[in-house]
Amino acid sequence: MTTYIFFDEALRMLTNAYLLSVVLLMAASGIGLAVIETIEKTGER
């Protein structure tokens, strides 16, 4: 038995994956910038 994925369902899955990756990338860059800023502040003292 072969199961088919319809085009609209595949497009919805790809859109959700893209949006999730964008959100995760934004969160990771924010955390990374916060860590770098903290390291720079502790280095000045």
PDB file of N, CA and C in Angstrom:
ATOM      1  N   MET A   1       0.852  -1.187   0.000  1.00  0.00           N
ATOM      2  CA  MET A   1       0.000   0.000   0.000  1.00  0.00           C
ATOM      3  C   MET A   1       0.894   1.245   0.000  1.00  0.00           C
ATOM      4  N   THR A   2       0.668   2.104  -0.947  1.00  0.00           N
ATOM      5  CA  THR A   2       1.462   3.315  -1.079  1.00  0.00           C
ATOM      6  C   THR A   2       0.675   4.496  -0.535  1.00  0.00           C
ATOM      7  N   THR A   3       1.322   5.264   0.325  1.00  0.00           N
ATOM      8  CA  THR A   3       0.665   6.465   0.843  1.00  0.00           C
ATOM      9  C   THR A   3       1.248   7.671   0.128  1.00  0.00           C
ATOM     10  N   TYR A   4       0.374   8.536  -0.344  1.00  0.00           N
ATOM     11  CA  TYR A   4       0.779   9.721  -1.069  1.00  0.00           C
ATOM     12  C   TYR A   4       0.615  10.952  -0.183  1.00  0.00           C
ATOM     13  N   ILE A   5       1.513  11.906  -0.345  1.00  0.00           N
ATOM     14  CA  ILE A   5       1.394  13.193   0.335  1.00  0.00           C
ATOM     15  C   ILE A   5       0.938  14.193  -0.714  1.00  0.00           C
ATOM     16  N   PHE A   6      -0.173  14.828  -0.451  1.00  0.00           N
ATOM     17  CA  PHE A   6      -0.690  15.799  -1.401  1.00  0.00           C
ATOM     18  C   PHE A   6       0.162  17.064  -1.372  1.00  0.00           C
ATOM     19  N   PHE A   7       0.061  17.839  -2.459  1.00  0.00           N
ATOM     20  CA  PHE A   7       0.934  19.002  -2.623  1.00  0.00           C
ATOM     21  C   PHE A   7       0.689  20.040  -1.534  1.00  0.00           C
ATOM     22  N   ASP A   8      -0.571  20.310  -1.201  1.00  0.00           N
ATOM     23  CA  ASP A   8      -0.849  21.335  -0.199  1.00  0.00           C
ATOM     24  C   ASP A   8      -0.344  20.912   1.182  1.00  0.00           C
ATOM     25  N   GLU A   9      -0.422  19.625   1.483  1.00  0.00           N
ATOM     26  CA  GLU A   9       0.083  19.131   2.767  1.00  0.00           C
ATOM     27  C   GLU A   9       1.610  19.211   2.817  1.00  0.00           C
ATOM     28  N   ALA A  10       2.267  18.864   1.716  1.00  0.00           N
ATOM     29  CA  ALA A  10       3.727  18.960   1.658  1.00  0.00           C
ATOM     30  C   ALA A  10       4.177  20.412   1.752  1.00  0.00           C
ATOM     31  N   LEU A  11       3.457  21.312   1.087  1.00  0.00           N
ATOM     32  CA  LEU A  11       3.783  22.737   1.141  1.00  0.00           C
ATOM     33  C   LEU A  11       3.602  23.278   2.549  1.00  0.00           C
ATOM     34  N   ARG A  12       2.564  22.845   3.242  1.00  0.00           N
ATOM     35  CA  ARG A  12       2.335  23.272   4.622  1.00  0.00           C
ATOM     36  C   ARG A  12       3.453  22.760   5.534  1.00  0.00           C
ATOM     37  N   MET A  13       3.884  21.514   5.322  1.00  0.00           N
ATOM     38  CA  MET A  13       4.969  20.956   6.128  1.00  0.00           C
ATOM     39  C   MET A  13       6.268  21.724   5.896  1.00  0.00           C
ATOM     40  N   LEU A  14       6.579  22.038   4.641  1.00  0.00           N
ATOM     41  CA  LEU A  14       7.795  22.787   4.338  1.00  0.00           C
ATOM     42  C   LEU A  14       7.737  24.202   4.913  1.00  0.00           C
ATOM     43  N   THR A  15       6.564  24.824   4.849  1.00  0.00           N
ATOM     44  CA  THR A  15       6.410  26.174   5.408  1.00  0.00           C
ATOM     45  C   THR A  15       6.599  26.150   6.916  1.00  0.00           C
ATOM     46  N   ASN A  16       6.020  25.174   7.580  1.00  0.00           N
ATOM     47  CA  ASN A  16       6.192  25.066   9.029  1.00  0.00           C
ATOM     48  C   ASN A  16       7.648  24.817   9.397  1.00  0.00           C
ATOM     49  N   ALA A  17       8.332  23.972   8.645  1.00  0.00           N
ATOM     50  CA  ALA A  17       9.741  23.694   8.923  1.00  0.00           C
ATOM     51  C   ALA A  17      10.583  24.946   8.711  1.00  0.00           C
ATOM     52  N   TYR A  18      10.276  25.723   7.656  1.00  0.00           N
ATOM     53  CA  TYR A  18      11.020  26.951   7.388  1.00  0.00           C
ATOM     54  C   TYR A  18      10.809  27.969   8.504  1.00  0.00           C
ATOM     55  N   LEU A  19       9.563  28.157   8.916  1.00  0.00           N
ATOM     56  CA  LEU A  19       9.280  29.126   9.976  1.00  0.00           C
ATOM     57  C   LEU A  19       9.908  28.695  11.290  1.00  0.00           C
ATOM     58  N   LEU A  20       9.885  27.405  11.584  1.00  0.00           N
ATOM     59  CA  LEU A  20      10.511  26.911  12.799  1.00  0.00           C
ATOM     60  C   LEU A  20      12.014  27.134  12.765  1.00  0.00           C
ATOM     61  N   SER A  21      12.637  26.914  11.620  1.00  0.00           N
ATOM     62  CA  SER A  21      14.080  27.123  11.523  1.00  0.00           C
ATOM     63  C   SER A  21      14.428  28.604  11.675  1.00  0.00           C
ATOM     64  N   VAL A  22      13.592  29.490  11.151  1.00  0.00           N
ATOM     65  CA  VAL A  22      13.835  30.927  11.308  1.00  0.00           C
ATOM     66  C   VAL A  22      13.749  31.317  12.776  1.00  0.00           C
ATOM     67  N   VAL A  23      12.732  30.819  13.479  1.00  0.00           N
ATOM     68  CA  VAL A  23      12.565  31.143  14.895  1.00  0.00           C
ATOM     69  C   VAL A  23      13.747  30.609  15.707  1.00  0.00           C
ATOM     70  N   LEU A  24      14.170  29.386  15.432  1.00  0.00           N
ATOM     71  CA  LEU A  24      15.295  28.810  16.163  1.00  0.00           C
ATOM     72  C   LEU A  24      16.591  29.558  15.872  1.00  0.00           C
ATOM     73  N   LEU A  25      16.786  29.991  14.633  1.00  0.00           N
ATOM     74  CA  LEU A  25      17.983  30.755  14.280  1.00  0.00           C
ATOM     75  C   LEU A  25      18.000  32.102  14.985  1.00  0.00           C
ATOM     76  N   MET A  26      16.851  32.769  15.055  1.00  0.00           N
ATOM     77  CA  MET A  26      16.765  34.053  15.754  1.00  0.00           C
ATOM     78  C   MET A  26      17.058  33.871  17.248  1.00  0.00           C
ATOM     79  N   ALA A  27      16.508  32.821  17.841  1.00  0.00           N
ATOM     80  CA  ALA A  27      16.740  32.574  19.257  1.00  0.00           C
ATOM     81  C   ALA A  27      18.209  32.263  19.522  1.00  0.00           C
ATOM     82  N   ALA A  28      18.812  31.445  18.679  1.00  0.00           N
ATOM     83  CA  ALA A  28      20.214  31.076  18.876  1.00  0.00           C
ATOM     84  C   ALA A  28      21.123  32.291  18.701  1.00  0.00           C
ATOM     85  N   SER A  29      20.819  33.158  17.746  1.00  0.00           N
ATOM     86  CA  SER A  29      21.657  34.343  17.549  1.00  0.00           C
ATOM     87  C   SER A  29      21.489  35.303  18.710  1.00  0.00           C
ATOM     88  N   GLY A  30      20.283  35.418  19.253  1.00  0.00           N
ATOM     89  CA  GLY A  30      20.067  36.274  20.417  1.00  0.00           C
ATOM     90  C   GLY A  30      20.830  35.782  21.624  1.00  0.00           C
ATOM     91  N   ILE A  31      20.800  34.475  21.852  1.00  0.00           N
ATOM     92  CA  ILE A  31      21.542  33.895  22.974  1.00  0.00           C
ATOM     93  C   ILE A  31      23.038  34.076  22.770  1.00  0.00           C
ATOM     94  N   GLY A  32      23.494  33.859  21.553  1.00  0.00           N
ATOM     95  CA  GLY A  32      24.913  34.027  21.255  1.00  0.00           C
ATOM     96  C   GLY A  32      25.376  35.459  21.465  1.00  0.00           C
ATOM     97  N   LEU A  33      24.576  36.415  21.023  1.00  0.00           N
ATOM     98  CA  LEU A  33      24.936  37.822  21.231  1.00  0.00           C
ATOM     99  C   LEU A  33      24.943  38.180  22.709  1.00  0.00           C
ATOM    100  N   ALA A  34      24.005  37.635  23.484  1.00  0.00           N
ATOM    101  CA  ALA A  34      23.984  37.896  24.923  1.00  0.00           C
ATOM    102  C   ALA A  34      25.227  37.327  25.593  1.00  0.00           C
ATOM    103  N   VAL A  35      25.647  36.154  25.184  1.00  0.00           N
ATOM    104  CA  VAL A  35      26.844  35.539  25.759  1.00  0.00           C
ATOM    105  C   VAL A  35      28.083  36.357  25.409  1.00  0.00           C
ATOM    106  N   ILE A  36      28.176  36.796  24.158  1.00  0.00           N
ATOM    107  CA  ILE A  36      29.328  37.594  23.744  1.00  0.00           C
ATOM    108  C   ILE A  36      29.358  38.922  24.505  1.00  0.00           C
ATOM    109  N   GLU A  37      28.199  39.541  24.678  1.00  0.00           N
ATOM    110  CA  GLU A  37      28.135  40.803  25.409  1.00  0.00           C
ATOM    111  C   GLU A  37      28.547  40.604  26.862  1.00  0.00           C
ATOM    112  N   THR A  38      28.128  39.514  27.460  1.00  0.00           N
ATOM    113  CA  THR A  38      28.505  39.223  28.849  1.00  0.00           C
ATOM    114  C   THR A  38      30.011  38.999  28.959  1.00  0.00           C
ATOM    115  N   ILE A  39      30.587  38.283  28.019  1.00  0.00           N
ATOM    116  CA  ILE A  39      32.031  38.028  28.032  1.00  0.00           C
ATOM    117  C   ILE A  39      32.799  39.339  27.877  1.00  0.00           C
ATOM    118  N   GLU A  40      32.328  40.220  27.001  1.00  0.00           N
ATOM    119  CA  GLU A  40      33.003  41.500  26.810  1.00  0.00           C
ATOM    120  C   GLU A  40      32.891  42.378  28.050  1.00  0.00           C
ATOM    121  N   LYS A  41      31.741  42.362  28.727  1.00  0.00           N
ATOM    122  CA  LYS A  41      31.583  43.173  29.929  1.00  0.00           C
ATOM    123  C   LYS A  41      32.473  42.680  31.056  1.00  0.00           C
ATOM    124  N   THR A  42      32.603  41.366  31.195  1.00  0.00           N
ATOM    125  CA  THR A  42      33.477  40.840  32.254  1.00  0.00           C
ATOM    126  C   THR A  42      34.943  41.058  31.931  1.00  0.00           C
ATOM    127  N   GLY A  43      35.274  41.160  30.645  1.00  0.00           N
ATOM    128  CA  GLY A  43      36.665  41.386  30.257  1.00  0.00           C
ATOM    129  C   GLY A  43      37.105  42.807  30.497  1.00  0.00           C
ATOM    130  N   GLU A  44      36.189  43.771  30.548  1.00  0.00           N
ATOM    131  CA  GLU A  44      36.544  45.182  30.735  1.00  0.00           C
ATOM    132  C   GLU A  44      36.970  45.472  32.164  1.00  0.00           C
ATOM    133  N   ARG A  45      36.467  44.708  33.126  1.00  0.00           N
ATOM    134  CA  ARG A  45      36.734  44.986  34.537  1.00  0.00           C
ATOM    135  C   ARG A  45      38.137  44.600  34.952  1.00  0.00           C
TER     136      ARG A  45
END
